Amino acid sequence: MTPKSKIDFVDLNDDTKNNESIIRTTEHDFLPVCDKNFSNIYGIIKIKTILKSLKSDLEMVELLKNNLLEPYYIPIETPLLTQLQNFKRTKKNLGLIIDEYGEIKGLLTIADIVNQIIGDNDLNFTLDKLGFKVEHDNSVLAEGSCLIRDLNKELGFDLPISGPRTLNGLIIEYIQEIPDLGTTLKIENYLIEILKKEKMAVKLARIKSINVI
């Protein structure tokens, strides 16, 4: 998790210019909104939503309050894999870690859990030279830069080849935006889950073939 002292957040009492700078430059998909300090959390904002509304006539505080999401809290003793399942079940991407007294200790995201499970090292150490790896459940971990033709040829997939050449390009063309971590989309007969991303691109995804009768 990210310790409390290192969590980026937007302060309702801060000036508009500083808050707008934080929103425009953050590499995160979501940020907490606080009142003076991190112990007083109003809610969570989705950065994409705020960016689309920055040119509106709304004042910054009003804009933030109108787009708040309910905070999601995670007991500090929750096992890692259990929380990954909880994220998927609740369709949350971010949670605030609390201790037995309800004090916030840090922040946890799907990306944090994925990095713990598969590592945050150079993907070339875990994936083969073509940029993908078949898991024990027959799902496939694939880099966003992986060529679609290689996936089709090596794995017998039938992903569309009439458009973008890479998996990242295919995903972004399909949903017309950079997906959030944890997003799962269906393309043809495949479920593609976003496991890792950079600011403007998907870096790692899990692909599962759907059995068609």
N, C-alpha and C. Protein backbone atom coordinates (compact mmCIF):
# COMPACT_ATOMS: atom_id res chain seq x y z
N MET A 1 0.83 -1.19 0.00
CA MET A 1 0.00 0.00 0.00
C MET A 1 0.87 1.25 0.00
N THR A 2 0.27 2.37 -0.33
CA THR A 2 0.95 3.66 -0.22
C THR A 2 0.71 4.20 1.18
N PRO A 3 1.77 4.47 1.94
CA PRO A 3 1.58 4.98 3.31
C PRO A 3 0.83 6.31 3.31
N LYS A 4 0.15 6.56 4.40
CA LYS A 4 -0.66 7.77 4.55
C LYS A 4 0.12 9.04 4.22
N SER A 5 1.37 9.09 4.65
CA SER A 5 2.18 10.29 4.47
C SER A 5 2.56 10.56 3.02
N LYS A 6 2.40 9.56 2.14
CA LYS A 6 2.82 9.71 0.75
C LYS A 6 1.65 9.71 -0.23
N ILE A 7 0.43 9.78 0.28
CA ILE A 7 -0.75 9.74 -0.58
C ILE A 7 -1.03 11.11 -1.18
N ASP A 8 -1.20 11.17 -2.49
CA ASP A 8 -1.61 12.41 -3.14
C ASP A 8 -3.10 12.63 -2.91
N PHE A 9 -3.50 13.87 -2.67
CA PHE A 9 -4.92 14.16 -2.49
C PHE A 9 -5.22 15.60 -2.85
N VAL A 10 -6.49 15.89 -3.04
CA VAL A 10 -6.97 17.24 -3.32
C VAL A 10 -7.60 17.79 -2.05
N ASP A 11 -7.27 19.02 -1.70
CA ASP A 11 -7.77 19.65 -0.49
C ASP A 11 -8.83 20.69 -0.84
N LEU A 12 -10.01 20.55 -0.27
CA LEU A 12 -11.09 21.49 -0.55
C LEU A 12 -10.74 22.91 -0.13
N ASN A 13 -9.79 23.05 0.78
CA ASN A 13 -9.41 24.38 1.26
C ASN A 13 -8.25 24.98 0.49
N ASP A 14 -7.69 24.21 -0.44
CA ASP A 14 -6.56 24.70 -1.23
C ASP A 14 -7.08 25.60 -2.36
N ASP A 15 -6.17 26.39 -2.93
CA ASP A 15 -6.62 27.29 -4.00
C ASP A 15 -6.85 26.51 -5.29
N THR A 16 -7.68 27.05 -6.15
CA THR A 16 -8.08 26.39 -7.40
C THR A 16 -6.89 26.05 -8.28
N LYS A 17 -5.93 26.96 -8.37
CA LYS A 17 -4.78 26.75 -9.25
C LYS A 17 -3.98 25.52 -8.82
N ASN A 18 -3.75 25.37 -7.53
CA ASN A 18 -2.97 24.24 -7.04
C ASN A 18 -3.73 22.93 -7.23
N ASN A 19 -5.02 22.93 -6.93
CA ASN A 19 -5.82 21.71 -7.12
C ASN A 19 -5.88 21.31 -8.59
N GLU A 20 -6.04 22.30 -9.46
CA GLU A 20 -6.09 21.99 -10.89
C GLU A 20 -4.76 21.42 -11.36
N SER A 21 -3.66 21.92 -10.84
CA SER A 21 -2.34 21.40 -11.21
C SER A 21 -2.20 19.94 -10.78
N ILE A 22 -2.66 19.63 -9.56
CA ILE A 22 -2.61 18.24 -9.07
C ILE A 22 -3.43 17.33 -9.97
N ILE A 23 -4.63 17.78 -10.32
CA ILE A 23 -5.54 16.97 -11.14
C ILE A 23 -4.97 16.74 -12.54
N ARG A 24 -4.35 17.75 -13.11
CA ARG A 24 -3.83 17.64 -14.48
C ARG A 24 -2.54 16.82 -14.57
N THR A 25 -1.78 16.78 -13.51
CA THR A 25 -0.47 16.13 -13.58
C THR A 25 -0.40 14.76 -12.90
N THR A 26 -1.42 14.40 -12.13
CA THR A 26 -1.36 13.11 -11.44
C THR A 26 -1.33 11.94 -12.42
N GLU A 27 -0.65 10.89 -12.03
CA GLU A 27 -0.61 9.67 -12.83
C GLU A 27 -1.67 8.67 -12.37
N HIS A 28 -2.45 9.05 -11.37
CA HIS A 28 -3.47 8.16 -10.81
C HIS A 28 -4.81 8.37 -11.50
N ASP A 29 -5.64 7.33 -11.47
CA ASP A 29 -6.98 7.41 -12.04
C ASP A 29 -7.97 8.02 -11.05
N PHE A 30 -7.69 7.87 -9.76
CA PHE A 30 -8.57 8.37 -8.70
C PHE A 30 -7.73 9.08 -7.65
N LEU A 31 -8.32 10.08 -6.99
CA LEU A 31 -7.65 10.77 -5.89
C LEU A 31 -8.64 11.02 -4.75
N PRO A 32 -8.18 10.92 -3.51
CA PRO A 32 -9.03 11.29 -2.38
C PRO A 32 -9.23 12.81 -2.34
N VAL A 33 -10.38 13.24 -1.83
CA VAL A 33 -10.66 14.65 -1.60
C VAL A 33 -10.79 14.84 -0.09
N CYS A 34 -9.97 15.75 0.46
CA CYS A 34 -9.92 15.93 1.90
C CYS A 34 -10.25 17.37 2.30
N ASP A 35 -10.44 17.56 3.59
CA ASP A 35 -10.67 18.88 4.15
C ASP A 35 -9.54 19.18 5.13
N LYS A 36 -8.54 19.90 4.67
CA LYS A 36 -7.37 20.34 5.46
C LYS A 36 -6.37 19.23 5.74
N ASN A 37 -6.82 18.04 6.09
CA ASN A 37 -5.87 16.95 6.35
C ASN A 37 -6.50 15.62 5.95
N PHE A 38 -5.64 14.61 5.87
CA PHE A 38 -6.08 13.33 5.31
C PHE A 38 -7.00 12.56 6.25
N SER A 39 -7.11 13.00 7.49
CA SER A 39 -8.00 12.32 8.43
C SER A 39 -9.46 12.68 8.19
N ASN A 40 -9.70 13.73 7.41
CA ASN A 40 -11.07 14.19 7.14
C ASN A 40 -11.34 14.05 5.64
N ILE A 41 -11.76 12.86 5.23
CA ILE A 41 -11.96 12.57 3.82
C ILE A 41 -13.42 12.77 3.43
N TYR A 42 -13.62 13.57 2.38
CA TYR A 42 -14.96 13.80 1.87
C TYR A 42 -15.38 12.69 0.91
N GLY A 43 -14.44 12.22 0.10
CA GLY A 43 -14.76 11.21 -0.88
C GLY A 43 -13.62 11.03 -1.86
N ILE A 44 -13.91 10.38 -2.97
CA ILE A 44 -12.92 10.07 -4.00
C ILE A 44 -13.40 10.67 -5.32
N ILE A 45 -12.47 11.21 -6.10
CA ILE A 45 -12.84 11.71 -7.44
C ILE A 45 -12.17 10.86 -8.52
N LYS A 46 -12.87 10.70 -9.63
CA LYS A 46 -12.30 10.05 -10.80
C LYS A 46 -11.70 11.14 -11.67
N ILE A 47 -10.40 11.05 -11.94
CA ILE A 47 -9.68 12.12 -12.61
C ILE A 47 -10.25 12.42 -14.00
N LYS A 48 -10.61 11.40 -14.75
CA LYS A 48 -11.17 11.61 -16.08
C LYS A 48 -12.42 12.49 -16.02
N THR A 49 -13.26 12.23 -15.05
CA THR A 49 -14.51 12.98 -14.91
C THR A 49 -14.24 14.45 -14.63
N ILE A 50 -13.30 14.72 -13.73
CA ILE A 50 -12.98 16.11 -13.37
C ILE A 50 -12.33 16.83 -14.55
N LEU A 51 -11.42 16.15 -15.24
CA LEU A 51 -10.74 16.78 -16.37
C LEU A 51 -11.74 17.23 -17.45
N LYS A 52 -12.77 16.43 -17.66
CA LYS A 52 -13.77 16.77 -18.68
C LYS A 52 -14.60 17.99 -18.28
N SER A 53 -14.62 18.31 -16.99
CA SER A 53 -15.48 19.39 -16.51
C SER A 53 -14.71 20.64 -16.08
N LEU A 54 -13.38 20.62 -16.23
CA LEU A 54 -12.59 21.75 -15.75
C LEU A 54 -12.92 23.06 -16.46
N LYS A 55 -13.38 22.99 -17.70
CA LYS A 55 -13.69 24.20 -18.45
C LYS A 55 -15.11 24.70 -18.22
N SER A 56 -15.83 24.03 -17.33
CA SER A 56 -17.20 24.45 -17.04
C SER A 56 -17.18 25.70 -16.17
N ASP A 57 -18.34 26.25 -15.91
CA ASP A 57 -18.45 27.46 -15.09
C ASP A 57 -18.45 27.18 -13.60
N LEU A 58 -18.38 25.91 -13.22
CA LEU A 58 -18.43 25.54 -11.82
C LEU A 58 -17.12 25.93 -11.10
N GLU A 59 -17.25 26.41 -9.89
CA GLU A 59 -16.07 26.64 -9.05
C GLU A 59 -15.46 25.29 -8.70
N MET A 60 -14.14 25.28 -8.41
CA MET A 60 -13.44 24.04 -8.15
C MET A 60 -14.08 23.24 -7.02
N VAL A 61 -14.39 23.91 -5.89
CA VAL A 61 -14.97 23.19 -4.75
C VAL A 61 -16.31 22.58 -5.13
N GLU A 62 -17.12 23.32 -5.87
CA GLU A 62 -18.42 22.80 -6.30
C GLU A 62 -18.25 21.64 -7.26
N LEU A 63 -17.28 21.77 -8.15
CA LEU A 63 -17.01 20.70 -9.12
C LEU A 63 -16.59 19.42 -8.40
N LEU A 64 -15.72 19.55 -7.42
CA LEU A 64 -15.27 18.38 -6.67
C LEU A 64 -16.41 17.74 -5.90
N LYS A 65 -17.20 18.55 -5.20
CA LYS A 65 -18.28 18.02 -4.38
C LYS A 65 -19.36 17.36 -5.24
N ASN A 66 -19.56 17.86 -6.46
CA ASN A 66 -20.59 17.30 -7.34
C ASN A 66 -20.18 15.95 -7.93
N ASN A 67 -18.90 15.62 -7.83
CA ASN A 67 -18.41 14.39 -8.46
C ASN A 67 -17.74 13.44 -7.47
N LEU A 68 -18.11 13.55 -6.21
CA LEU A 68 -17.52 12.69 -5.20
C LEU A 68 -18.07 11.28 -5.25
N LEU A 69 -17.18 10.32 -5.12
CA LEU A 69 -17.55 8.92 -4.97
C LEU A 69 -17.39 8.53 -3.50
N GLU A 70 -18.20 7.61 -3.05
CA GLU A 70 -18.14 7.18 -1.65
C GLU A 70 -16.79 6.51 -1.36
N PRO A 71 -16.11 6.90 -0.27
CA PRO A 71 -14.85 6.24 0.08
C PRO A 71 -15.07 4.75 0.36
N TYR A 72 -14.09 3.95 0.01
CA TYR A 72 -14.16 2.51 0.23
C TYR A 72 -13.05 2.14 1.22
N TYR A 73 -13.42 1.54 2.34
CA TYR A 73 -12.45 1.26 3.40
C TYR A 73 -12.12 -0.23 3.48
N ILE A 74 -10.85 -0.51 3.76
CA ILE A 74 -10.36 -1.89 3.82
C ILE A 74 -9.70 -2.14 5.17
N PRO A 75 -10.19 -3.09 5.96
CA PRO A 75 -9.53 -3.44 7.23
C PRO A 75 -8.09 -3.87 6.97
N ILE A 76 -7.17 -3.42 7.79
CA ILE A 76 -5.75 -3.63 7.54
C ILE A 76 -5.36 -5.11 7.53
N GLU A 77 -6.15 -5.95 8.19
CA GLU A 77 -5.80 -7.38 8.27
C GLU A 77 -6.32 -8.18 7.07
N THR A 78 -7.00 -7.55 6.11
CA THR A 78 -7.55 -8.27 4.97
C THR A 78 -6.45 -8.90 4.12
N PRO A 79 -6.50 -10.22 3.85
CA PRO A 79 -5.48 -10.86 3.01
C PRO A 79 -5.48 -10.29 1.59
N LEU A 80 -4.32 -10.31 0.96
CA LEU A 80 -4.13 -9.69 -0.35
C LEU A 80 -5.07 -10.26 -1.41
N LEU A 81 -5.12 -11.58 -1.52
CA LEU A 81 -5.94 -12.20 -2.55
C LEU A 81 -7.43 -12.00 -2.27
N THR A 82 -7.78 -11.97 -1.00
CA THR A 82 -9.18 -11.70 -0.63
C THR A 82 -9.58 -10.31 -1.09
N GLN A 83 -8.67 -9.34 -0.90
CA GLN A 83 -8.98 -7.97 -1.30
C GLN A 83 -9.06 -7.83 -2.81
N LEU A 84 -8.24 -8.59 -3.54
CA LEU A 84 -8.32 -8.56 -5.00
C LEU A 84 -9.71 -9.02 -5.44
N GLN A 85 -10.22 -10.07 -4.81
CA GLN A 85 -11.58 -10.55 -5.11
C GLN A 85 -12.62 -9.50 -4.71
N ASN A 86 -12.39 -8.83 -3.58
CA ASN A 86 -13.31 -7.79 -3.13
C ASN A 86 -13.35 -6.61 -4.09
N PHE A 87 -12.19 -6.25 -4.63
CA PHE A 87 -12.15 -5.16 -5.62
C PHE A 87 -13.00 -5.53 -6.84
N LYS A 88 -12.86 -6.75 -7.30
CA LYS A 88 -13.62 -7.18 -8.48
C LYS A 88 -15.12 -7.26 -8.17
N ARG A 89 -15.45 -7.75 -6.97
CA ARG A 89 -16.86 -7.89 -6.59
C ARG A 89 -17.54 -6.54 -6.45
N THR A 90 -16.85 -5.59 -5.85
CA THR A 90 -17.44 -4.27 -5.60
C THR A 90 -17.21 -3.29 -6.75
N LYS A 91 -16.40 -3.73 -7.74
CA LYS A 91 -16.05 -2.87 -8.89
C LYS A 91 -15.35 -1.58 -8.44
N LYS A 92 -14.55 -1.72 -7.38
CA LYS A 92 -13.75 -0.60 -6.89
C LYS A 92 -12.32 -0.75 -7.40
N ASN A 93 -11.63 0.38 -7.53
CA ASN A 93 -10.24 0.37 -7.97
C ASN A 93 -9.28 0.81 -6.88
N LEU A 94 -9.84 1.37 -5.82
CA LEU A 94 -9.02 2.00 -4.79
C LEU A 94 -9.71 1.88 -3.44
N GLY A 95 -8.91 1.62 -2.41
CA GLY A 95 -9.48 1.55 -1.07
C GLY A 95 -8.54 2.18 -0.05
N LEU A 96 -9.10 2.68 1.04
CA LEU A 96 -8.33 3.27 2.13
C LEU A 96 -8.16 2.25 3.24
N ILE A 97 -6.92 1.98 3.62
CA ILE A 97 -6.63 0.98 4.64
C ILE A 97 -6.85 1.60 6.03
N ILE A 98 -7.64 0.93 6.86
CA ILE A 98 -7.89 1.41 8.21
C ILE A 98 -7.50 0.36 9.24
N ASP A 99 -7.06 0.83 10.41
CA ASP A 99 -6.72 -0.10 11.48
C ASP A 99 -7.95 -0.38 12.33
N GLU A 100 -7.77 -1.09 13.43
CA GLU A 100 -8.89 -1.50 14.27
C GLU A 100 -9.60 -0.32 14.94
N TYR A 101 -8.94 0.84 14.96
CA TYR A 101 -9.54 2.02 15.56
C TYR A 101 -10.18 2.95 14.52
N GLY A 102 -10.15 2.51 13.25
CA GLY A 102 -10.74 3.31 12.19
C GLY A 102 -9.82 4.39 11.67
N GLU A 103 -8.56 4.37 12.08
CA GLU A 103 -7.60 5.37 11.60
C GLU A 103 -7.04 4.95 10.25
N ILE A 104 -6.97 5.89 9.33
CA ILE A 104 -6.46 5.60 7.99
C ILE A 104 -4.94 5.42 8.05
N LYS A 105 -4.47 4.29 7.51
CA LYS A 105 -3.05 3.97 7.54
C LYS A 105 -2.40 4.07 6.16
N GLY A 106 -3.22 4.01 5.12
CA GLY A 106 -2.65 4.06 3.78
C GLY A 106 -3.71 3.86 2.72
N LEU A 107 -3.26 3.68 1.50
CA LEU A 107 -4.15 3.53 0.35
C LEU A 107 -3.70 2.33 -0.48
N LEU A 108 -4.67 1.54 -0.95
CA LEU A 108 -4.37 0.35 -1.73
C LEU A 108 -5.15 0.37 -3.04
N THR A 109 -4.50 -0.01 -4.13
CA THR A 109 -5.14 -0.08 -5.44
C THR A 109 -4.98 -1.48 -6.03
N ILE A 110 -5.75 -1.74 -7.07
CA ILE A 110 -5.59 -3.02 -7.78
C ILE A 110 -4.16 -3.17 -8.28
N ALA A 111 -3.58 -2.07 -8.75
CA ALA A 111 -2.21 -2.11 -9.28
C ALA A 111 -1.22 -2.55 -8.20
N ASP A 112 -1.43 -2.10 -6.96
CA ASP A 112 -0.54 -2.51 -5.87
C ASP A 112 -0.57 -4.02 -5.68
N ILE A 113 -1.77 -4.60 -5.75
CA ILE A 113 -1.90 -6.04 -5.55
C ILE A 113 -1.28 -6.81 -6.71
N VAL A 114 -1.55 -6.34 -7.92
CA VAL A 114 -0.98 -6.99 -9.11
C VAL A 114 0.54 -6.96 -9.05
N ASN A 115 1.11 -5.82 -8.65
CA ASN A 115 2.57 -5.71 -8.57
C ASN A 115 3.14 -6.68 -7.54
N GLN A 116 2.40 -6.91 -6.46
CA GLN A 116 2.85 -7.86 -5.46
C GLN A 116 2.80 -9.29 -5.97
N ILE A 117 1.78 -9.59 -6.78
CA ILE A 117 1.59 -10.96 -7.26
C ILE A 117 2.54 -11.30 -8.40
N ILE A 118 2.63 -10.40 -9.39
CA ILE A 118 3.45 -10.73 -10.57
C ILE A 118 4.74 -9.94 -10.63
N GLY A 119 4.93 -9.02 -9.68
CA GLY A 119 6.17 -8.26 -9.63
C GLY A 119 6.08 -6.98 -10.43
N ASP A 120 6.88 -6.01 -10.04
CA ASP A 120 6.91 -4.73 -10.72
C ASP A 120 8.22 -4.55 -11.46
N ASN A 121 8.86 -5.66 -11.79
CA ASN A 121 10.11 -5.60 -12.52
C ASN A 121 9.86 -5.52 -14.01
N ASP A 122 10.94 -5.44 -14.77
CA ASP A 122 10.84 -5.44 -16.22
C ASP A 122 10.06 -6.68 -16.66
N LEU A 123 9.01 -6.48 -17.45
CA LEU A 123 8.15 -7.60 -17.84
C LEU A 123 8.87 -8.63 -18.68
N ASN A 124 10.01 -8.28 -19.25
CA ASN A 124 10.75 -9.26 -20.06
C ASN A 124 11.24 -10.43 -19.21
N PHE A 125 11.29 -10.24 -17.89
CA PHE A 125 11.75 -11.32 -17.02
C PHE A 125 10.62 -12.31 -16.73
N THR A 126 9.38 -11.91 -16.94
CA THR A 126 8.27 -12.79 -16.63
C THR A 126 7.52 -13.24 -17.88
N LEU A 127 7.62 -12.49 -18.95
CA LEU A 127 6.96 -12.84 -20.19
C LEU A 127 7.99 -13.27 -21.23
N ASP A 128 7.56 -14.04 -22.22
CA ASP A 128 8.52 -14.50 -23.22
C ASP A 128 8.86 -13.37 -24.18
N LYS A 129 9.70 -13.66 -25.17
CA LYS A 129 10.21 -12.61 -26.05
C LYS A 129 9.12 -11.96 -26.90
N LEU A 130 7.99 -12.63 -27.06
CA LEU A 130 6.89 -12.05 -27.83
C LEU A 130 5.99 -11.18 -26.95
N GLY A 131 6.23 -11.20 -25.63
CA GLY A 131 5.50 -10.31 -24.75
C GLY A 131 4.26 -10.90 -24.11
N PHE A 132 4.16 -12.23 -24.05
CA PHE A 132 3.00 -12.82 -23.37
C PHE A 132 3.39 -14.11 -22.67
N LYS A 133 2.49 -14.57 -21.79
CA LYS A 133 2.74 -15.78 -21.01
C LYS A 133 1.41 -16.46 -20.72
N VAL A 134 1.33 -17.76 -20.96
CA VAL A 134 0.13 -18.54 -20.68
C VAL A 134 0.15 -18.97 -19.22
N GLU A 135 -0.92 -18.65 -18.49
CA GLU A 135 -1.02 -18.99 -17.09
C GLU A 135 -1.62 -20.39 -16.91
N HIS A 136 -1.60 -20.89 -15.67
CA HIS A 136 -2.08 -22.25 -15.40
C HIS A 136 -3.57 -22.41 -15.67
N ASP A 137 -4.33 -21.32 -15.64
CA ASP A 137 -5.77 -21.40 -15.91
C ASP A 137 -6.09 -21.14 -17.38
N ASN A 138 -5.03 -21.14 -18.20
CA ASN A 138 -5.12 -20.92 -19.65
C ASN A 138 -5.44 -19.47 -20.03
N SER A 139 -5.47 -18.58 -19.04
CA SER A 139 -5.54 -17.16 -19.39
C SER A 139 -4.14 -16.73 -19.84
N VAL A 140 -4.05 -15.58 -20.47
CA VAL A 140 -2.78 -15.12 -21.02
C VAL A 140 -2.45 -13.73 -20.49
N LEU A 141 -1.27 -13.58 -19.91
CA LEU A 141 -0.76 -12.27 -19.54
C LEU A 141 -0.03 -11.71 -20.75
N ALA A 142 -0.40 -10.51 -21.17
CA ALA A 142 0.20 -9.95 -22.38
C ALA A 142 0.51 -8.47 -22.22
N GLU A 143 1.67 -8.06 -22.68
CA GLU A 143 2.03 -6.66 -22.70
C GLU A 143 1.12 -5.91 -23.66
N GLY A 144 0.89 -4.65 -23.38
CA GLY A 144 0.10 -3.84 -24.29
C GLY A 144 0.76 -3.69 -25.65
N SER A 145 2.08 -3.76 -25.68
CA SER A 145 2.82 -3.62 -26.94
C SER A 145 2.86 -4.90 -27.75
N CYS A 146 2.30 -5.99 -27.20
CA CYS A 146 2.30 -7.28 -27.89
C CYS A 146 1.54 -7.18 -29.21
N LEU A 147 2.11 -7.76 -30.26
CA LEU A 147 1.47 -7.73 -31.57
C LEU A 147 0.29 -8.69 -31.61
N ILE A 148 -0.82 -8.24 -32.15
CA ILE A 148 -2.01 -9.07 -32.24
C ILE A 148 -1.75 -10.29 -33.12
N ARG A 149 -1.01 -10.09 -34.20
CA ARG A 149 -0.73 -11.22 -35.09
C ARG A 149 0.05 -12.32 -34.40
N ASP A 150 0.93 -11.94 -33.43
CA ASP A 150 1.69 -12.94 -32.68
C ASP A 150 0.77 -13.72 -31.73
N LEU A 151 -0.17 -13.01 -31.09
CA LEU A 151 -1.14 -13.69 -30.23
C LEU A 151 -1.98 -14.67 -31.03
N ASN A 152 -2.43 -14.24 -32.19
CA ASN A 152 -3.25 -15.11 -33.04
C ASN A 152 -2.46 -16.32 -33.53
N LYS A 153 -1.25 -16.07 -33.97
CA LYS A 153 -0.43 -17.15 -34.55
C LYS A 153 0.03 -18.16 -33.51
N GLU A 154 0.54 -17.66 -32.38
CA GLU A 154 1.14 -18.54 -31.37
C GLU A 154 0.12 -19.22 -30.48
N LEU A 155 -1.02 -18.55 -30.25
CA LEU A 155 -1.99 -19.07 -29.29
C LEU A 155 -3.30 -19.53 -29.93
N GLY A 156 -3.39 -19.38 -31.23
CA GLY A 156 -4.63 -19.78 -31.90
C GLY A 156 -5.77 -18.83 -31.66
N PHE A 157 -5.47 -17.59 -31.26
CA PHE A 157 -6.50 -16.60 -31.04
C PHE A 157 -7.06 -16.10 -32.38
N ASP A 158 -8.15 -15.40 -32.30
CA ASP A 158 -8.78 -14.83 -33.50
C ASP A 158 -9.16 -13.37 -33.23
N LEU A 159 -8.21 -12.64 -32.64
CA LEU A 159 -8.45 -11.22 -32.37
C LEU A 159 -8.44 -10.44 -33.69
N PRO A 160 -9.19 -9.34 -33.78
CA PRO A 160 -9.27 -8.56 -35.02
C PRO A 160 -7.91 -8.04 -35.46
N ILE A 161 -7.62 -8.15 -36.75
CA ILE A 161 -6.34 -7.68 -37.28
C ILE A 161 -6.51 -6.61 -38.35
N SER A 162 -7.74 -6.18 -38.53
CA SER A 162 -8.00 -5.20 -39.59
C SER A 162 -7.69 -3.77 -39.16
N GLY A 163 -7.47 -3.56 -37.84
CA GLY A 163 -7.20 -2.22 -37.35
C GLY A 163 -5.82 -2.12 -36.72
N PRO A 164 -5.74 -1.76 -35.43
CA PRO A 164 -4.46 -1.60 -34.74
C PRO A 164 -3.64 -2.88 -34.71
N ARG A 165 -2.32 -2.71 -34.66
CA ARG A 165 -1.41 -3.85 -34.68
C ARG A 165 -1.11 -4.40 -33.30
N THR A 166 -1.27 -3.58 -32.27
CA THR A 166 -0.92 -4.01 -30.91
C THR A 166 -2.16 -4.20 -30.05
N LEU A 167 -1.98 -4.92 -28.95
CA LEU A 167 -3.08 -5.14 -28.02
C LEU A 167 -3.54 -3.81 -27.41
N ASN A 168 -2.59 -2.96 -27.04
CA ASN A 168 -2.94 -1.65 -26.49
C ASN A 168 -3.78 -0.85 -27.48
N GLY A 169 -3.36 -0.84 -28.73
CA GLY A 169 -4.10 -0.11 -29.76
C GLY A 169 -5.51 -0.65 -29.94
N LEU A 170 -5.64 -1.96 -29.90
CA LEU A 170 -6.95 -2.60 -30.06
C LEU A 170 -7.88 -2.20 -28.91
N ILE A 171 -7.36 -2.24 -27.69
CA ILE A 171 -8.18 -1.90 -26.51
C ILE A 171 -8.65 -0.45 -26.57
N ILE A 172 -7.71 0.45 -26.85
CA ILE A 172 -8.06 1.88 -26.86
C ILE A 172 -9.02 2.20 -28.00
N GLU A 173 -8.82 1.58 -29.15
CA GLU A 173 -9.74 1.81 -30.28
C GLU A 173 -11.14 1.31 -29.93
N TYR A 174 -11.20 0.21 -29.19
CA TYR A 174 -12.50 -0.40 -28.88
C TYR A 174 -13.31 0.45 -27.92
N ILE A 175 -12.68 0.99 -26.87
CA ILE A 175 -13.44 1.75 -25.88
C ILE A 175 -13.27 3.27 -26.02
N GLN A 176 -12.39 3.69 -26.96
CA GLN A 176 -12.23 5.11 -27.28
C GLN A 176 -11.71 5.95 -26.11
N GLU A 177 -10.94 5.32 -25.20
CA GLU A 177 -10.30 6.06 -24.12
C GLU A 177 -9.29 5.14 -23.44
N ILE A 178 -8.46 5.74 -22.57
CA ILE A 178 -7.53 4.93 -21.79
C ILE A 178 -8.31 4.27 -20.66
N PRO A 179 -8.34 2.95 -20.59
CA PRO A 179 -9.16 2.28 -19.56
C PRO A 179 -8.56 2.39 -18.17
N ASP A 180 -9.42 2.31 -17.17
CA ASP A 180 -8.97 2.29 -15.78
C ASP A 180 -8.43 0.90 -15.44
N LEU A 181 -7.57 0.84 -14.43
CA LEU A 181 -7.11 -0.44 -13.93
C LEU A 181 -8.31 -1.24 -13.42
N GLY A 182 -8.31 -2.53 -13.70
CA GLY A 182 -9.40 -3.38 -13.27
C GLY A 182 -10.54 -3.47 -14.27
N THR A 183 -10.51 -2.63 -15.30
CA THR A 183 -11.55 -2.67 -16.33
C THR A 183 -11.47 -3.99 -17.09
N THR A 184 -12.62 -4.60 -17.34
CA THR A 184 -12.68 -5.80 -18.17
C THR A 184 -13.60 -5.52 -19.34
N LEU A 185 -13.12 -5.76 -20.55
CA LEU A 185 -13.94 -5.55 -21.74
C LEU A 185 -13.99 -6.83 -22.57
N LYS A 186 -15.01 -6.94 -23.37
CA LYS A 186 -15.19 -8.10 -24.25
C LYS A 186 -14.97 -7.68 -25.68
N ILE A 187 -13.98 -8.30 -26.33
CA ILE A 187 -13.72 -8.07 -27.74
C ILE A 187 -13.82 -9.41 -28.45
N GLU A 188 -14.75 -9.51 -29.37
CA GLU A 188 -15.03 -10.79 -30.02
C GLU A 188 -15.33 -11.84 -28.94
N ASN A 189 -14.58 -12.94 -28.94
CA ASN A 189 -14.82 -14.00 -27.95
C ASN A 189 -13.76 -14.02 -26.86
N TYR A 190 -13.31 -12.80 -26.46
CA TYR A 190 -12.24 -12.70 -25.48
C TYR A 190 -12.59 -11.65 -24.42
N LEU A 191 -12.32 -11.99 -23.16
CA LEU A 191 -12.42 -11.03 -22.07
C LEU A 191 -11.01 -10.51 -21.78
N ILE A 192 -10.85 -9.21 -21.78
CA ILE A 192 -9.54 -8.59 -21.57
C ILE A 192 -9.60 -7.71 -20.33
N GLU A 193 -8.80 -8.05 -19.32
CA GLU A 193 -8.77 -7.31 -18.06
C GLU A 193 -7.50 -6.47 -17.98
N ILE A 194 -7.64 -5.19 -17.66
CA ILE A 194 -6.50 -4.30 -17.58
C ILE A 194 -5.82 -4.45 -16.22
N LEU A 195 -4.56 -4.89 -16.23
CA LEU A 195 -3.82 -5.15 -15.00
C LEU A 195 -2.81 -4.06 -14.67
N LYS A 196 -2.31 -3.39 -15.70
CA LYS A 196 -1.27 -2.39 -15.47
C LYS A 196 -1.33 -1.38 -16.61
N LYS A 197 -1.11 -0.11 -16.27
CA LYS A 197 -1.16 0.92 -17.30
C LYS A 197 -0.19 2.03 -16.98
N GLU A 198 0.22 2.72 -18.04
CA GLU A 198 0.95 3.96 -17.88
C GLU A 198 -0.06 5.06 -18.16
N LYS A 199 0.37 6.31 -18.14
CA LYS A 199 -0.58 7.40 -18.22
C LYS A 199 -1.42 7.35 -19.49
N MET A 200 -0.82 6.97 -20.62
CA MET A 200 -1.54 7.01 -21.88
C MET A 200 -1.60 5.66 -22.59
N ALA A 201 -1.31 4.58 -21.88
CA ALA A 201 -1.29 3.29 -22.55
C ALA A 201 -1.48 2.13 -21.57
N VAL A 202 -2.05 1.04 -22.08
CA VAL A 202 -2.15 -0.21 -21.33
C VAL A 202 -0.79 -0.91 -21.39
N LYS A 203 -0.27 -1.28 -20.23
CA LYS A 203 1.03 -1.95 -20.19
C LYS A 203 0.90 -3.45 -20.05
N LEU A 204 -0.12 -3.91 -19.31
CA LEU A 204 -0.30 -5.34 -19.10
C LEU A 204 -1.77 -5.66 -19.00
N ALA A 205 -2.17 -6.76 -19.66
CA ALA A 205 -3.57 -7.18 -19.61
C ALA A 205 -3.64 -8.70 -19.50
N ARG A 206 -4.78 -9.18 -19.00
CA ARG A 206 -5.04 -10.61 -18.96
C ARG A 206 -6.13 -10.94 -19.98
N ILE A 207 -5.89 -11.92 -20.82
CA ILE A 207 -6.83 -12.29 -21.86
C ILE A 207 -7.38 -13.68 -21.57
N LYS A 208 -8.71 -13.79 -21.58
CA LYS A 208 -9.35 -15.09 -21.38
C LYS A 208 -10.27 -15.37 -22.56
N SER A 209 -10.12 -16.54 -23.12
CA SER A 209 -10.98 -16.94 -24.24
C SER A 209 -12.32 -17.42 -23.70
N ILE A 210 -13.40 -16.97 -24.33
CA ILE A 210 -14.74 -17.39 -23.93
C ILE A 210 -15.12 -18.59 -24.78
N ASN A 211 -15.48 -19.66 -24.12
CA ASN A 211 -15.90 -20.85 -24.86
C ASN A 211 -17.24 -20.58 -25.56
N VAL A 212 -17.26 -20.78 -26.85
CA VAL A 212 -18.47 -20.54 -27.62
C VAL A 212 -19.01 -21.87 -28.11
N ILE A 213 -20.27 -22.14 -27.79
CA ILE A 213 -20.86 -23.43 -28.20
C ILE A 213 -21.49 -23.27 -29.58
